[in-house]
Amino acid sequence: MDELLKKLIAQAKKKYINEFSKDFKTRLNERGLTLEDIIKSGGKIREDIIKERGLL
């Protein structure tokens, strides 16, 4: 019974992750963005915060 429960939970998690991934990609496409755009903007935000705090 425990093995069956573990398999069902694993399948549910995988399904959730796959659906989230599809939704995320759809939203990116709607906004004309790519993952690279998000990564670049995150890097710039990080750099700005570091400069603001005087750590760079």
N, C-alpha and C. Protein backbone atom coordinates (compact mmCIF):
# COMPACT_ATOMS: atom_id res chain seq x y z
N MET A 1 0.82 -1.19 0.00
CA MET A 1 0.00 0.00 0.00
C MET A 1 0.87 1.26 0.00
N ASP A 2 1.95 1.25 0.79
CA ASP A 2 2.83 2.42 0.84
C ASP A 2 3.47 2.69 -0.51
N GLU A 3 3.86 1.63 -1.21
CA GLU A 3 4.49 1.79 -2.52
C GLU A 3 3.51 2.40 -3.52
N LEU A 4 2.28 1.95 -3.48
CA LEU A 4 1.25 2.49 -4.37
C LEU A 4 1.02 3.97 -4.07
N LEU A 5 0.95 4.31 -2.82
CA LEU A 5 0.76 5.70 -2.41
C LEU A 5 1.94 6.56 -2.87
N LYS A 6 3.15 6.05 -2.70
CA LYS A 6 4.35 6.78 -3.15
C LYS A 6 4.30 7.02 -4.65
N LYS A 7 3.90 6.00 -5.41
CA LYS A 7 3.83 6.14 -6.87
C LYS A 7 2.77 7.16 -7.26
N LEU A 8 1.63 7.13 -6.60
CA LEU A 8 0.56 8.09 -6.90
C LEU A 8 0.99 9.52 -6.58
N ILE A 9 1.67 9.69 -5.47
CA ILE A 9 2.16 11.02 -5.10
C ILE A 9 3.19 11.51 -6.10
N ALA A 10 4.11 10.64 -6.51
CA ALA A 10 5.13 11.00 -7.49
C ALA A 10 4.50 11.39 -8.82
N GLN A 11 3.49 10.66 -9.24
CA GLN A 11 2.80 10.98 -10.49
C GLN A 11 2.09 12.32 -10.40
N ALA A 12 1.46 12.58 -9.27
CA ALA A 12 0.75 13.85 -9.08
C ALA A 12 1.73 15.02 -9.09
N LYS A 13 2.88 14.85 -8.45
CA LYS A 13 3.89 15.91 -8.44
C LYS A 13 4.40 16.17 -9.85
N LYS A 14 4.67 15.11 -10.59
CA LYS A 14 5.18 15.25 -11.95
C LYS A 14 4.15 15.96 -12.83
N LYS A 15 2.89 15.59 -12.69
CA LYS A 15 1.82 16.22 -13.46
C LYS A 15 1.72 17.71 -13.12
N TYR A 16 1.81 18.04 -11.84
CA TYR A 16 1.74 19.44 -11.41
C TYR A 16 2.90 20.25 -12.00
N ILE A 17 4.09 19.69 -11.94
CA ILE A 17 5.27 20.38 -12.47
C ILE A 17 5.13 20.59 -13.97
N ASN A 18 4.68 19.57 -14.69
CA ASN A 18 4.50 19.69 -16.13
C ASN A 18 3.46 20.74 -16.49
N GLU A 19 2.35 20.78 -15.76
CA GLU A 19 1.31 21.77 -16.02
C GLU A 19 1.81 23.18 -15.71
N PHE A 20 2.55 23.32 -14.61
CA PHE A 20 3.12 24.63 -14.26
C PHE A 20 4.06 25.09 -15.35
N SER A 21 4.90 24.18 -15.84
CA SER A 21 5.85 24.52 -16.89
C SER A 21 5.14 24.98 -18.15
N LYS A 22 4.08 24.29 -18.54
CA LYS A 22 3.32 24.67 -19.73
C LYS A 22 2.68 26.04 -19.55
N ASP A 23 2.08 26.27 -18.38
CA ASP A 23 1.45 27.57 -18.09
C ASP A 23 2.48 28.69 -18.10
N PHE A 24 3.64 28.43 -17.51
CA PHE A 24 4.70 29.44 -17.44
C PHE A 24 5.18 29.80 -18.84
N LYS A 25 5.41 28.79 -19.67
CA LYS A 25 5.86 29.04 -21.04
C LYS A 25 4.80 29.80 -21.83
N THR A 26 3.53 29.48 -21.62
CA THR A 26 2.44 30.18 -22.30
C THR A 26 2.43 31.65 -21.90
N ARG A 27 2.58 31.92 -20.62
CA ARG A 27 2.59 33.31 -20.14
C ARG A 27 3.79 34.08 -20.68
N LEU A 28 4.93 33.42 -20.76
CA LEU A 28 6.10 34.07 -21.34
C LEU A 28 5.84 34.44 -22.79
N ASN A 29 5.30 33.51 -23.55
CA ASN A 29 5.01 33.76 -24.96
C ASN A 29 4.00 34.88 -25.13
N GLU A 30 3.00 34.94 -24.26
CA GLU A 30 1.99 36.01 -24.33
C GLU A 30 2.63 37.37 -24.15
N ARG A 31 3.68 37.43 -23.36
CA ARG A 31 4.35 38.71 -23.09
C ARG A 31 5.55 38.92 -24.00
N GLY A 32 5.81 37.98 -24.89
CA GLY A 32 6.94 38.11 -25.81
C GLY A 32 8.28 37.98 -25.12
N LEU A 33 8.34 37.19 -24.08
CA LEU A 33 9.58 37.01 -23.32
C LEU A 33 10.13 35.60 -23.49
N THR A 34 11.40 35.46 -23.14
CA THR A 34 12.04 34.14 -23.09
C THR A 34 12.64 33.96 -21.71
N LEU A 35 13.04 32.74 -21.41
CA LEU A 35 13.71 32.50 -20.14
C LEU A 35 15.00 33.30 -20.05
N GLU A 36 15.68 33.45 -21.18
CA GLU A 36 16.92 34.23 -21.19
C GLU A 36 16.66 35.68 -20.78
N ASP A 37 15.53 36.25 -21.24
CA ASP A 37 15.17 37.61 -20.86
C ASP A 37 14.99 37.74 -19.36
N ILE A 38 14.33 36.77 -18.77
CA ILE A 38 14.10 36.79 -17.32
C ILE A 38 15.41 36.64 -16.57
N ILE A 39 16.27 35.76 -17.03
CA ILE A 39 17.56 35.55 -16.38
C ILE A 39 18.39 36.82 -16.46
N LYS A 40 18.41 37.46 -17.62
CA LYS A 40 19.17 38.71 -17.78
C LYS A 40 18.63 39.81 -16.87
N SER A 41 17.30 39.95 -16.82
CA SER A 41 16.73 41.00 -15.98
C SER A 41 17.00 40.72 -14.50
N GLY A 42 16.98 39.43 -14.12
CA GLY A 42 17.31 39.07 -12.74
C GLY A 42 18.74 39.42 -12.39
N GLY A 43 19.64 39.20 -13.33
CA GLY A 43 21.05 39.54 -13.13
C GLY A 43 21.23 41.04 -12.97
N LYS A 44 20.51 41.81 -13.77
CA LYS A 44 20.61 43.27 -13.68
C LYS A 44 20.05 43.76 -12.35
N ILE A 45 18.93 43.21 -11.93
CA ILE A 45 18.34 43.59 -10.64
C ILE A 45 19.31 43.26 -9.51
N ARG A 46 19.91 42.09 -9.57
CA ARG A 46 20.88 41.68 -8.54
C ARG A 46 22.06 42.65 -8.51
N GLU A 47 22.56 43.00 -9.69
CA GLU A 47 23.69 43.93 -9.79
C GLU A 47 23.32 45.29 -9.21
N ASP A 48 22.11 45.77 -9.52
CA ASP A 48 21.66 47.07 -8.99
C ASP A 48 21.57 47.05 -7.47
N ILE A 49 21.07 45.96 -6.91
CA ILE A 49 20.95 45.84 -5.45
C ILE A 49 22.33 45.84 -4.81
N ILE A 50 23.26 45.10 -5.40
CA ILE A 50 24.62 45.03 -4.85
C ILE A 50 25.27 46.41 -4.90
N LYS A 51 25.10 47.13 -6.00
CA LYS A 51 25.66 48.48 -6.11
C LYS A 51 25.03 49.40 -5.07
N GLU A 52 23.71 49.30 -4.92
CA GLU A 52 22.99 50.15 -3.98
C GLU A 52 23.47 49.94 -2.55
N ARG A 53 23.77 48.71 -2.22
CA ARG A 53 24.22 48.40 -0.86
C ARG A 53 25.72 48.60 -0.69
N GLY A 54 26.39 48.98 -1.76
CA GLY A 54 27.82 49.23 -1.68
C GLY A 54 28.67 47.99 -1.52
N LEU A 55 28.18 46.87 -2.01
CA LEU A 55 28.92 45.62 -1.88
C LEU A 55 29.79 45.35 -3.10
N LEU A 56 29.67 46.18 -4.12
CA LEU A 56 30.44 45.95 -5.35
C LEU A 56 31.43 47.04 -5.58
